[in-house]
């Protein structure tokens, strides 16, 4: 995705790698089936992603270093509100794929 945008090359990859590392470190302490945990993880991930992106842009691009906290919070809250529905859709899809893959192994 980074090569098709005008953003700093590799920035999204680096930020998502850092987020994935910390989520992996916390995975044995979190019960990801709980809706509350899903919402909190998505909220914190969005805030971290948007803040770190703005800070790195401000440092490397020498542009206006402006962080709009209301925009960041609005994005994080919106994503957090959609989280339970999207996780439910993905869980149902995953169950159907597991059911289908079980049938395919018997052929």
PDB file of N, CA and C in Angstrom:
ATOM      1  N   UNK A   1       0.816  -1.192   0.000  1.00  0.00           N
ATOM      2  CA  UNK A   1       0.000   0.000   0.000  1.00  0.00           C
ATOM      3  C   UNK A   1       0.863   1.260   0.000  1.00  0.00           C
ATOM      4  N   UNK A   2       1.996   1.228   0.640  1.00  0.00           N
ATOM      5  CA  UNK A   2       2.810   2.436   0.746  1.00  0.00           C
ATOM      6  C   UNK A   2       3.290   2.946  -0.605  1.00  0.00           C
ATOM      7  N   UNK A   3       3.548   2.056  -1.561  1.00  0.00           N
ATOM      8  CA  UNK A   3       4.097   2.523  -2.833  1.00  0.00           C
ATOM      9  C   UNK A   3       3.058   3.237  -3.687  1.00  0.00           C
ATOM     10  N   UNK A   4       1.785   3.078  -3.383  1.00  0.00           N
ATOM     11  CA  UNK A   4       0.742   3.715  -4.169  1.00  0.00           C
ATOM     12  C   UNK A   4       0.234   5.015  -3.550  1.00  0.00           C
ATOM     13  N   UNK A   5       0.856   5.472  -2.470  1.00  0.00           N
ATOM     14  CA  UNK A   5       0.423   6.709  -1.830  1.00  0.00           C
ATOM     15  C   UNK A   5       1.523   7.749  -1.913  1.00  0.00           C
ATOM     16  N   UNK A   6       1.174   8.970  -1.584  1.00  0.00           N
ATOM     17  CA  UNK A   6       2.166  10.040  -1.595  1.00  0.00           C
ATOM     18  C   UNK A   6       2.784  10.234  -0.213  1.00  0.00           C
ATOM     19  N   UNK A   7       2.499   9.338   0.692  1.00  0.00           N
ATOM     20  CA  UNK A   7       3.008   9.449   2.050  1.00  0.00           C
ATOM     21  C   UNK A   7       4.446   8.943   2.130  1.00  0.00           C
ATOM     22  N   UNK A   8       5.018   9.061   3.303  1.00  0.00           N
ATOM     23  CA  UNK A   8       6.389   8.601   3.524  1.00  0.00           C
ATOM     24  C   UNK A   8       6.442   7.092   3.307  1.00  0.00           C
ATOM     25  N   UNK A   9       7.352   6.661   2.449  1.00  0.00           N
ATOM     26  CA  UNK A   9       7.445   5.245   2.079  1.00  0.00           C
ATOM     27  C   UNK A   9       7.810   4.399   3.300  1.00  0.00           C
ATOM     28  N   UNK A  10       7.011   3.398   3.578  1.00  0.00           N
ATOM     29  CA  UNK A  10       7.283   2.463   4.659  1.00  0.00           C
ATOM     30  C   UNK A  10       6.740   2.873   6.011  1.00  0.00           C
ATOM     31  N   UNK A  11       6.130   4.036   6.109  1.00  0.00           N
ATOM     32  CA  UNK A  11       5.638   4.513   7.404  1.00  0.00           C
ATOM     33  C   UNK A  11       4.513   3.628   7.935  1.00  0.00           C
ATOM     34  N   UNK A  12       3.543   3.318   7.087  1.00  0.00           N
ATOM     35  CA  UNK A  12       2.440   2.466   7.525  1.00  0.00           C
ATOM     36  C   UNK A  12       2.947   1.082   7.910  1.00  0.00           C
ATOM     37  N   UNK A  13       3.883   0.574   7.134  1.00  0.00           N
ATOM     38  CA  UNK A  13       4.446  -0.740   7.429  1.00  0.00           C
ATOM     39  C   UNK A  13       5.113  -0.744   8.795  1.00  0.00           C
ATOM     40  N   UNK A  14       5.877   0.296   9.084  1.00  0.00           N
ATOM     41  CA  UNK A  14       6.567   0.382  10.372  1.00  0.00           C
ATOM     42  C   UNK A  14       5.571   0.497  11.527  1.00  0.00           C
ATOM     43  N   UNK A  15       4.573   1.350  11.378  1.00  0.00           N
ATOM     44  CA  UNK A  15       3.611   1.555  12.463  1.00  0.00           C
ATOM     45  C   UNK A  15       2.787   0.293  12.702  1.00  0.00           C
ATOM     46  N   UNK A  16       2.335  -0.358  11.633  1.00  0.00           N
ATOM     47  CA  UNK A  16       1.552  -1.581  11.809  1.00  0.00           C
ATOM     48  C   UNK A  16       2.403  -2.723  12.361  1.00  0.00           C
ATOM     49  N   UNK A  17       3.693  -2.735  12.042  1.00  0.00           N
ATOM     50  CA  UNK A  17       4.590  -3.735  12.622  1.00  0.00           C
ATOM     51  C   UNK A  17       4.734  -3.514  14.118  1.00  0.00           C
ATOM     52  N   UNK A  18       4.886  -2.269  14.526  1.00  0.00           N
ATOM     53  CA  UNK A  18       4.988  -1.952  15.956  1.00  0.00           C
ATOM     54  C   UNK A  18       3.695  -2.327  16.676  1.00  0.00           C
ATOM     55  N   UNK A  19       2.551  -1.970  16.093  1.00  0.00           N
ATOM     56  CA  UNK A  19       1.267  -2.333  16.695  1.00  0.00           C
ATOM     57  C   UNK A  19       1.104  -3.847  16.789  1.00  0.00           C
ATOM     58  N   UNK A  20       1.463  -4.550  15.730  1.00  0.00           N
ATOM     59  CA  UNK A  20       1.370  -6.008  15.738  1.00  0.00           C
ATOM     60  C   UNK A  20       2.271  -6.640  16.773  1.00  0.00           C
ATOM     61  N   UNK A  21       3.462  -6.080  16.947  1.00  0.00           N
ATOM     62  CA  UNK A  21       4.389  -6.596  17.954  1.00  0.00           C
ATOM     63  C   UNK A  21       3.791  -6.463  19.353  1.00  0.00           C
ATOM     64  N   UNK A  22       3.266  -5.275  19.664  1.00  0.00           N
ATOM     65  CA  UNK A  22       2.704  -5.070  20.999  1.00  0.00           C
ATOM     66  C   UNK A  22       1.435  -5.875  21.217  1.00  0.00           C
ATOM     67  N   UNK A  23       0.611  -6.023  20.189  1.00  0.00           N
ATOM     68  CA  UNK A  23      -0.585  -6.851  20.333  1.00  0.00           C
ATOM     69  C   UNK A  23      -0.197  -8.323  20.521  1.00  0.00           C
ATOM     70  N   UNK A  24       0.846  -8.754  19.836  1.00  0.00           N
ATOM     71  CA  UNK A  24       1.333 -10.120  20.019  1.00  0.00           C
ATOM     72  C   UNK A  24       1.868 -10.353  21.417  1.00  0.00           C
ATOM     73  N   UNK A  25       2.560  -9.356  21.956  1.00  0.00           N
ATOM     74  CA  UNK A  25       3.085  -9.467  23.323  1.00  0.00           C
ATOM     75  C   UNK A  25       1.958  -9.508  24.351  1.00  0.00           C
ATOM     76  N   UNK A  26       0.856  -8.831  24.053  1.00  0.00           N
ATOM     77  CA  UNK A  26      -0.268  -8.779  24.988  1.00  0.00           C
ATOM     78  C   UNK A  26      -1.307  -9.867  24.739  1.00  0.00           C
ATOM     79  N   UNK A  27      -1.154 -10.645  23.683  1.00  0.00           N
ATOM     80  CA  UNK A  27      -2.207 -11.585  23.289  1.00  0.00           C
ATOM     81  C   UNK A  27      -2.498 -12.645  24.347  1.00  0.00           C
ATOM     82  N   UNK A  28      -1.496 -13.053  25.105  1.00  0.00           N
ATOM     83  CA  UNK A  28      -1.763 -14.064  26.133  1.00  0.00           C
ATOM     84  C   UNK A  28      -2.422 -13.455  27.366  1.00  0.00           C
ATOM     85  N   UNK A  29      -2.436 -12.133  27.478  1.00  0.00           N
ATOM     86  CA  UNK A  29      -3.057 -11.464  28.620  1.00  0.00           C
ATOM     87  C   UNK A  29      -4.461 -10.957  28.296  1.00  0.00           C
ATOM     88  N   UNK A  30      -4.819 -10.939  27.017  1.00  0.00           N
ATOM     89  CA  UNK A  30      -6.107 -10.405  26.593  1.00  0.00           C
ATOM     90  C   UNK A  30      -7.014 -11.518  26.083  1.00  0.00           C
ATOM     91  N   UNK A  31      -8.289 -11.392  26.389  1.00  0.00           N
ATOM     92  CA  UNK A  31      -9.285 -12.313  25.839  1.00  0.00           C
ATOM     93  C   UNK A  31      -9.959 -11.614  24.666  1.00  0.00           C
ATOM     94  N   UNK A  32      -9.489 -11.920  23.463  1.00  0.00           N
ATOM     95  CA  UNK A  32      -9.971 -11.188  22.296  1.00  0.00           C
ATOM     96  C   UNK A  32     -11.410 -11.509  21.925  1.00  0.00           C
ATOM     97  N   UNK A  33     -12.034 -12.448  22.593  1.00  0.00           N
ATOM     98  CA  UNK A  33     -13.441 -12.728  22.312  1.00  0.00           C
ATOM     99  C   UNK A  33     -14.366 -11.752  23.043  1.00  0.00           C
ATOM    100  N   UNK A  34     -13.837 -11.016  24.011  1.00  0.00           N
ATOM    101  CA  UNK A  34     -14.641 -10.037  24.751  1.00  0.00           C
ATOM    102  C   UNK A  34     -14.767  -8.744  23.937  1.00  0.00           C
ATOM    103  N   UNK A  35     -15.974  -8.262  23.810  1.00  0.00           N
ATOM    104  CA  UNK A  35     -16.231  -7.056  23.018  1.00  0.00           C
ATOM    105  C   UNK A  35     -15.490  -5.860  23.593  1.00  0.00           C
ATOM    106  N   UNK A  36     -15.446  -5.760  24.908  1.00  0.00           N
ATOM    107  CA  UNK A  36     -14.767  -4.637  25.558  1.00  0.00           C
ATOM    108  C   UNK A  36     -13.296  -4.587  25.172  1.00  0.00           C
ATOM    109  N   UNK A  37     -12.650  -5.727  25.139  1.00  0.00           N
ATOM    110  CA  UNK A  37     -11.231  -5.793  24.766  1.00  0.00           C
ATOM    111  C   UNK A  37     -11.052  -5.399  23.305  1.00  0.00           C
ATOM    112  N   UNK A  38     -11.927  -5.873  22.438  1.00  0.00           N
ATOM    113  CA  UNK A  38     -11.849  -5.523  21.019  1.00  0.00           C
ATOM    114  C   UNK A  38     -11.958  -4.016  20.819  1.00  0.00           C
ATOM    115  N   UNK A  39     -12.908  -3.404  21.498  1.00  0.00           N
ATOM    116  CA  UNK A  39     -13.129  -1.963  21.360  1.00  0.00           C
ATOM    117  C   UNK A  39     -11.929  -1.182  21.880  1.00  0.00           C
ATOM    118  N   UNK A  40     -11.403  -1.561  23.032  1.00  0.00           N
ATOM    119  CA  UNK A  40     -10.257  -0.852  23.615  1.00  0.00           C
ATOM    120  C   UNK A  40      -9.023  -0.994  22.739  1.00  0.00           C
ATOM    121  N   UNK A  41      -8.776  -2.189  22.236  1.00  0.00           N
ATOM    122  CA  UNK A  41      -7.603  -2.410  21.380  1.00  0.00           C
ATOM    123  C   UNK A  41      -7.712  -1.595  20.091  1.00  0.00           C
ATOM    124  N   UNK A  42      -8.877  -1.582  19.473  1.00  0.00           N
ATOM    125  CA  UNK A  42      -9.060  -0.804  18.246  1.00  0.00           C
ATOM    126  C   UNK A  42      -8.913   0.686  18.537  1.00  0.00           C
ATOM    127  N   UNK A  43      -9.507   1.154  19.616  1.00  0.00           N
ATOM    128  CA  UNK A  43      -9.414   2.571  19.974  1.00  0.00           C
ATOM    129  C   UNK A  43      -7.960   2.988  20.181  1.00  0.00           C
ATOM    130  N   UNK A  44      -7.224   2.241  20.991  1.00  0.00           N
ATOM    131  CA  UNK A  44      -5.826   2.589  21.258  1.00  0.00           C
ATOM    132  C   UNK A  44      -4.959   2.464  20.010  1.00  0.00           C
ATOM    133  N   UNK A  45      -5.242   1.482  19.176  1.00  0.00           N
ATOM    134  CA  UNK A  45      -4.469   1.317  17.941  1.00  0.00           C
ATOM    135  C   UNK A  45      -4.676   2.493  16.991  1.00  0.00           C
ATOM    136  N   UNK A  46      -5.916   2.937  16.855  1.00  0.00           N
ATOM    137  CA  UNK A  46      -6.206   4.080  15.978  1.00  0.00           C
ATOM    138  C   UNK A  46      -5.521   5.337  16.502  1.00  0.00           C
ATOM    139  N   UNK A  47      -5.612   5.566  17.807  1.00  0.00           N
ATOM    140  CA  UNK A  47      -4.981   6.756  18.391  1.00  0.00           C
ATOM    141  C   UNK A  47      -3.472   6.696  18.193  1.00  0.00           C
ATOM    142  N   UNK A  48      -2.861   5.538  18.459  1.00  0.00           N
ATOM    143  CA  UNK A  48      -1.412   5.404  18.276  1.00  0.00           C
ATOM    144  C   UNK A  48      -1.022   5.618  16.818  1.00  0.00           C
ATOM    145  N   UNK A  49      -1.766   5.014  15.906  1.00  0.00           N
ATOM    146  CA  UNK A  49      -1.459   5.141  14.481  1.00  0.00           C
ATOM    147  C   UNK A  49      -1.525   6.597  14.025  1.00  0.00           C
ATOM    148  N   UNK A  50      -2.604   7.261  14.372  1.00  0.00           N
ATOM    149  CA  UNK A  50      -2.779   8.634  13.894  1.00  0.00           C
ATOM    150  C   UNK A  50      -1.792   9.597  14.551  1.00  0.00           C
ATOM    151  N   UNK A  51      -1.546   9.437  15.858  1.00  0.00           N
ATOM    152  CA  UNK A  51      -0.577  10.312  16.525  1.00  0.00           C
ATOM    153  C   UNK A  51       0.832  10.099  15.990  1.00  0.00           C
ATOM    154  N   UNK A  52       1.238   8.845  15.868  1.00  0.00           N
ATOM    155  CA  UNK A  52       2.600   8.578  15.395  1.00  0.00           C
ATOM    156  C   UNK A  52       2.781   9.037  13.951  1.00  0.00           C
ATOM    157  N   UNK A  53       1.748   8.887  13.124  1.00  0.00           N
ATOM    158  CA  UNK A  53       1.838   9.370  11.747  1.00  0.00           C
ATOM    159  C   UNK A  53       2.023  10.881  11.709  1.00  0.00           C
ATOM    160  N   UNK A  54       1.224  11.597  12.478  1.00  0.00           N
ATOM    161  CA  UNK A  54       1.335  13.059  12.503  1.00  0.00           C
ATOM    162  C   UNK A  54       2.690  13.511  13.037  1.00  0.00           C
ATOM    163  N   UNK A  55       3.183  12.855  14.081  1.00  0.00           N
ATOM    164  CA  UNK A  55       4.478  13.237  14.661  1.00  0.00           C
ATOM    165  C   UNK A  55       5.605  12.990  13.667  1.00  0.00           C
ATOM    166  N   UNK A  56       5.595  11.839  13.011  1.00  0.00           N
ATOM    167  CA  UNK A  56       6.658  11.526  12.046  1.00  0.00           C
ATOM    168  C   UNK A  56       6.578  12.457  10.840  1.00  0.00           C
ATOM    169  N   UNK A  57       5.369  12.771  10.372  1.00  0.00           N
ATOM    170  CA  UNK A  57       5.237  13.749   9.286  1.00  0.00           C
ATOM    171  C   UNK A  57       5.808  15.097   9.697  1.00  0.00           C
ATOM    172  N   UNK A  58       5.513  15.511  10.919  1.00  0.00           N
ATOM    173  CA  UNK A  58       6.011  16.796  11.395  1.00  0.00           C
ATOM    174  C   UNK A  58       7.520  16.841  11.496  1.00  0.00           C
ATOM    175  N   UNK A  59       8.134  15.725  11.875  1.00  0.00           N
ATOM    176  CA  UNK A  59       9.591  15.677  12.013  1.00  0.00           C
ATOM    177  C   UNK A  59      10.269  15.600  10.649  1.00  0.00           C
ATOM    178  N   UNK A  60       9.802  14.716   9.789  1.00  0.00           N
ATOM    179  CA  UNK A  60      10.498  14.454   8.528  1.00  0.00           C
ATOM    180  C   UNK A  60      10.125  15.392   7.386  1.00  0.00           C
ATOM    181  N   UNK A  61       8.936  15.900   7.380  1.00  0.00           N
ATOM    182  CA  UNK A  61       8.503  16.715   6.248  1.00  0.00           C
ATOM    183  C   UNK A  61       8.592  18.213   6.516  1.00  0.00           C
ATOM    184  N   UNK A  62       8.971  18.591   7.702  1.00  0.00           N
ATOM    185  CA  UNK A  62       9.154  19.998   8.069  1.00  0.00           C
ATOM    186  C   UNK A  62       7.941  20.848   7.737  1.00  0.00           C
ATOM    187  N   UNK A  63       6.802  20.263   7.783  1.00  0.00           N
ATOM    188  CA  UNK A  63       5.580  21.005   7.502  1.00  0.00           C
ATOM    189  C   UNK A  63       4.985  21.535   8.788  1.00  0.00           C
ATOM    190  N   UNK A  64       3.758  21.993   8.657  1.00  0.00           N
ATOM    191  CA  UNK A  64       3.068  22.434   9.860  1.00  0.00           C
ATOM    192  C   UNK A  64       2.816  21.215  10.731  1.00  0.00           C
ATOM    193  N   UNK A  65       3.224  21.320  11.957  1.00  0.00           N
ATOM    194  CA  UNK A  65       3.037  20.221  12.898  1.00  0.00           C
ATOM    195  C   UNK A  65       1.760  20.503  13.678  1.00  0.00           C
ATOM    196  N   UNK A  66       0.663  20.026  13.128  1.00  0.00           N
ATOM    197  CA  UNK A  66      -0.632  20.298  13.728  1.00  0.00           C
ATOM    198  C   UNK A  66      -1.348  18.980  13.982  1.00  0.00           C
ATOM    199  N   UNK A  67      -1.681  18.760  15.234  1.00  0.00           N
ATOM    200  CA  UNK A  67      -2.422  17.558  15.600  1.00  0.00           C
ATOM    201  C   UNK A  67      -3.820  17.989  16.029  1.00  0.00           C
ATOM    202  N   UNK A  68      -4.809  17.488  15.324  1.00  0.00           N
ATOM    203  CA  UNK A  68      -6.195  17.794  15.664  1.00  0.00           C
ATOM    204  C   UNK A  68      -6.743  16.629  16.485  1.00  0.00           C
ATOM    205  N   UNK A  69      -6.775  16.834  17.799  1.00  0.00           N
ATOM    206  CA  UNK A  69      -7.206  15.761  18.683  1.00  0.00           C
ATOM    207  C   UNK A  69      -8.676  15.403  18.483  1.00  0.00           C
ATOM    208  N   UNK A  70      -9.484  16.373  18.103  1.00  0.00           N
ATOM    209  CA  UNK A  70     -10.895  16.057  17.871  1.00  0.00           C
ATOM    210  C   UNK A  70     -11.054  15.126  16.670  1.00  0.00           C
ATOM    211  N   UNK A  71     -10.245  15.327  15.632  1.00  0.00           N
ATOM    212  CA  UNK A  71     -10.289  14.447  14.460  1.00  0.00           C
ATOM    213  C   UNK A  71      -9.819  13.040  14.825  1.00  0.00           C
ATOM    214  N   UNK A  72      -8.750  12.957  15.613  1.00  0.00           N
ATOM    215  CA  UNK A  72      -8.224  11.653  16.032  1.00  0.00           C
ATOM    216  C   UNK A  72      -9.247  10.932  16.900  1.00  0.00           C
ATOM    217  N   UNK A  73      -9.831  11.647  17.862  1.00  0.00           N
ATOM    218  CA  UNK A  73     -10.832  11.023  18.731  1.00  0.00           C
ATOM    219  C   UNK A  73     -12.085  10.626  17.955  1.00  0.00           C
ATOM    220  N   UNK A  74     -12.495  11.451  17.007  1.00  0.00           N
ATOM    221  CA  UNK A  74     -13.676  11.107  16.204  1.00  0.00           C
ATOM    222  C   UNK A  74     -13.430   9.829  15.406  1.00  0.00           C
ATOM    223  N   UNK A  75     -12.253   9.707  14.798  1.00  0.00           N
ATOM    224  CA  UNK A  75     -11.917   8.483  14.058  1.00  0.00           C
ATOM    225  C   UNK A  75     -11.860   7.275  14.975  1.00  0.00           C
ATOM    226  N   UNK A  76     -11.242   7.438  16.137  1.00  0.00           N
ATOM    227  CA  UNK A  76     -11.100   6.323  17.073  1.00  0.00           C
ATOM    228  C   UNK A  76     -12.458   5.887  17.617  1.00  0.00           C
ATOM    229  N   UNK A  77     -13.306   6.840  17.950  1.00  0.00           N
ATOM    230  CA  UNK A  77     -14.632   6.499  18.477  1.00  0.00           C
ATOM    231  C   UNK A  77     -15.485   5.841  17.397  1.00  0.00           C
ATOM    232  N   UNK A  78     -15.457   6.382  16.186  1.00  0.00           N
ATOM    233  CA  UNK A  78     -16.226   5.802  15.079  1.00  0.00           C
ATOM    234  C   UNK A  78     -15.786   4.358  14.814  1.00  0.00           C
ATOM    235  N   UNK A  79     -14.480   4.141  14.748  1.00  0.00           N
ATOM    236  CA  UNK A  79     -13.966   2.787  14.504  1.00  0.00           C
ATOM    237  C   UNK A  79     -14.311   1.857  15.654  1.00  0.00           C
ATOM    238  N   UNK A  80     -14.249   2.367  16.874  1.00  0.00           N
ATOM    239  CA  UNK A  80     -14.565   1.545  18.043  1.00  0.00           C
ATOM    240  C   UNK A  80     -16.039   1.160  18.077  1.00  0.00           C
ATOM    241  N   UNK A  81     -16.906   2.052  17.619  1.00  0.00           N
ATOM    242  CA  UNK A  81     -18.333   1.729  17.583  1.00  0.00           C
ATOM    243  C   UNK A  81     -18.649   0.661  16.539  1.00  0.00           C
ATOM    244  N   UNK A  82     -17.896   0.636  15.445  1.00  0.00           N
ATOM    245  CA  UNK A  82     -18.112  -0.372  14.407  1.00  0.00           C
ATOM    246  C   UNK A  82     -17.465  -1.719  14.739  1.00  0.00           C
ATOM    247  N   UNK A  83     -16.532  -1.709  15.672  1.00  0.00           N
ATOM    248  CA  UNK A  83     -15.739  -2.900  15.990  1.00  0.00           C
ATOM    249  C   UNK A  83     -16.579  -4.129  16.323  1.00  0.00           C
ATOM    250  N   UNK A  84     -17.549  -4.067  17.250  1.00  0.00           N
ATOM    251  CA  UNK A  84     -18.291  -5.298  17.579  1.00  0.00           C
ATOM    252  C   UNK A  84     -19.002  -5.909  16.374  1.00  0.00           C
ATOM    253  N   UNK A  85     -19.564  -5.064  15.515  1.00  0.00           N
ATOM    254  CA  UNK A  85     -20.279  -5.571  14.339  1.00  0.00           C
ATOM    255  C   UNK A  85     -19.315  -6.222  13.344  1.00  0.00           C
ATOM    256  N   UNK A  86     -18.185  -5.569  13.116  1.00  0.00           N
ATOM    257  CA  UNK A  86     -17.216  -6.117  12.162  1.00  0.00           C
ATOM    258  C   UNK A  86     -16.586  -7.408  12.680  1.00  0.00           C
ATOM    259  N   UNK A  87     -16.298  -7.473  13.981  1.00  0.00           N
ATOM    260  CA  UNK A  87     -15.754  -8.706  14.539  1.00  0.00           C
ATOM    261  C   UNK A  87     -16.767  -9.838  14.438  1.00  0.00           C
ATOM    262  N   UNK A  88     -18.046  -9.539  14.640  1.00  0.00           N
ATOM    263  CA  UNK A  88     -19.078 -10.568  14.514  1.00  0.00           C
ATOM    264  C   UNK A  88     -19.170 -11.073  13.075  1.00  0.00           C
ATOM    265  N   UNK A  89     -19.110 -10.165  12.119  1.00  0.00           N
ATOM    266  CA  UNK A  89     -19.136 -10.560  10.707  1.00  0.00           C
ATOM    267  C   UNK A  89     -17.923 -11.424  10.376  1.00  0.00           C
ATOM    268  N   UNK A  90     -16.748 -11.021  10.850  1.00  0.00           N
ATOM    269  CA  UNK A  90     -15.535 -11.799  10.567  1.00  0.00           C
ATOM    270  C   UNK A  90     -15.569 -13.160  11.245  1.00  0.00           C
ATOM    271  N   UNK A  91     -16.130 -13.241  12.458  1.00  0.00           N
ATOM    272  CA  UNK A  91     -16.243 -14.535  13.138  1.00  0.00           C
ATOM    273  C   UNK A  91     -17.171 -15.480  12.380  1.00  0.00           C
ATOM    274  N   UNK A  92     -18.301 -14.956  11.903  1.00  0.00           N
ATOM    275  CA  UNK A  92     -19.220 -15.803  11.125  1.00  0.00           C
ATOM    276  C   UNK A  92     -18.578 -16.255   9.823  1.00  0.00           C
ATOM    277  N   UNK A  93     -17.853 -15.358   9.177  1.00  0.00           N
ATOM    278  CA  UNK A  93     -17.168 -15.693   7.938  1.00  0.00           C
ATOM    279  C   UNK A  93     -16.101 -16.756   8.191  1.00  0.00           C
ATOM    280  N   UNK A  94     -15.375 -16.610   9.285  1.00  0.00           N
ATOM    281  CA  UNK A  94     -14.335 -17.576   9.631  1.00  0.00           C
ATOM    282  C   UNK A  94     -14.938 -18.954   9.915  1.00  0.00           C
ATOM    283  N   UNK A  95     -16.078 -18.994  10.605  1.00  0.00           N
ATOM    284  CA  UNK A  95     -16.733 -20.277  10.876  1.00  0.00           C
ATOM    285  C   UNK A  95     -17.184 -20.950   9.580  1.00  0.00           C
ATOM    286  N   UNK A  96     -17.694 -20.157   8.636  1.00  0.00           N
ATOM    287  CA  UNK A  96     -18.100 -20.730   7.350  1.00  0.00           C
ATOM    288  C   UNK A  96     -16.895 -21.246   6.575  1.00  0.00           C
ATOM    289  N   UNK A  97     -15.783 -20.525   6.645  1.00  0.00           N
ATOM    290  CA  UNK A  97     -14.573 -20.990   5.963  1.00  0.00           C
ATOM    291  C   UNK A  97     -14.040 -22.273   6.585  1.00  0.00           C
ATOM    292  N   UNK A  98     -14.083 -22.360   7.921  1.00  0.00           N
ATOM    293  CA  UNK A  98     -13.637 -23.587   8.585  1.00  0.00           C
ATOM    294  C   UNK A  98     -14.533 -24.754   8.203  1.00  0.00           C
ATOM    295  N   UNK A  99     -15.828 -24.512   8.148  1.00  0.00           N
ATOM    296  CA  UNK A  99     -16.769 -25.562   7.762  1.00  0.00           C
ATOM    297  C   UNK A  99     -16.508 -26.001   6.324  1.00  0.00           C
ATOM    298  N   UNK A 100     -16.288 -25.047   5.439  1.00  0.00           N
ATOM    299  CA  UNK A 100     -16.014 -25.359   4.043  1.00  0.00           C
ATOM    300  C   UNK A 100     -14.685 -26.084   3.892  1.00  0.00           C
ATOM    301  N   UNK A 101     -13.662 -25.643   4.610  1.00  0.00           N
ATOM    302  CA  UNK A 101     -12.349 -26.278   4.468  1.00  0.00           C
ATOM    303  C   UNK A 101     -12.371 -27.704   4.998  1.00  0.00           C
ATOM    304  N   UNK A 102     -13.221 -27.976   5.972  1.00  0.00           N
ATOM    305  CA  UNK A 102     -13.351 -29.342   6.465  1.00  0.00           C
ATOM    306  C   UNK A 102     -13.952 -30.258   5.421  1.00  0.00           C
ATOM    307  N   UNK A 103     -14.899 -29.753   4.654  1.00  0.00           N
ATOM    308  CA  UNK A 103     -15.506 -30.545   3.589  1.00  0.00           C
ATOM    309  C   UNK A 103     -14.516 -30.781   2.460  1.00  0.00           C
ATOM    310  N   UNK A 104     -13.705 -29.803   2.194  1.00  0.00           N
ATOM    311  CA  UNK A 104     -12.743 -29.932   1.099  1.00  0.00           C
ATOM    312  C   UNK A 104     -11.688 -30.985   1.403  1.00  0.00           C
ATOM    313  N   UNK A 105     -11.362 -31.175   2.658  1.00  0.00           N
ATOM    314  CA  UNK A 105     -10.328 -32.157   2.988  1.00  0.00           C
ATOM    315  C   UNK A 105     -10.831 -33.588   2.821  1.00  0.00           C
ATOM    316  N   UNK A 106     -12.154 -33.786   2.807  1.00  0.00           N
ATOM    317  CA  UNK A 106     -12.708 -35.132   2.644  1.00  0.00           C
ATOM    318  C   UNK A 106     -12.837 -35.546   1.189  1.00  0.00           C
ATOM    319  N   UNK A 107     -12.663 -34.621   0.276  1.00  0.00           N
ATOM    320  CA  UNK A 107     -12.830 -34.937  -1.154  1.00  0.00           C
ATOM    321  C   UNK A 107     -11.649 -35.724  -1.660  1.00  0.00           C
TER     322      UNK A 107
END
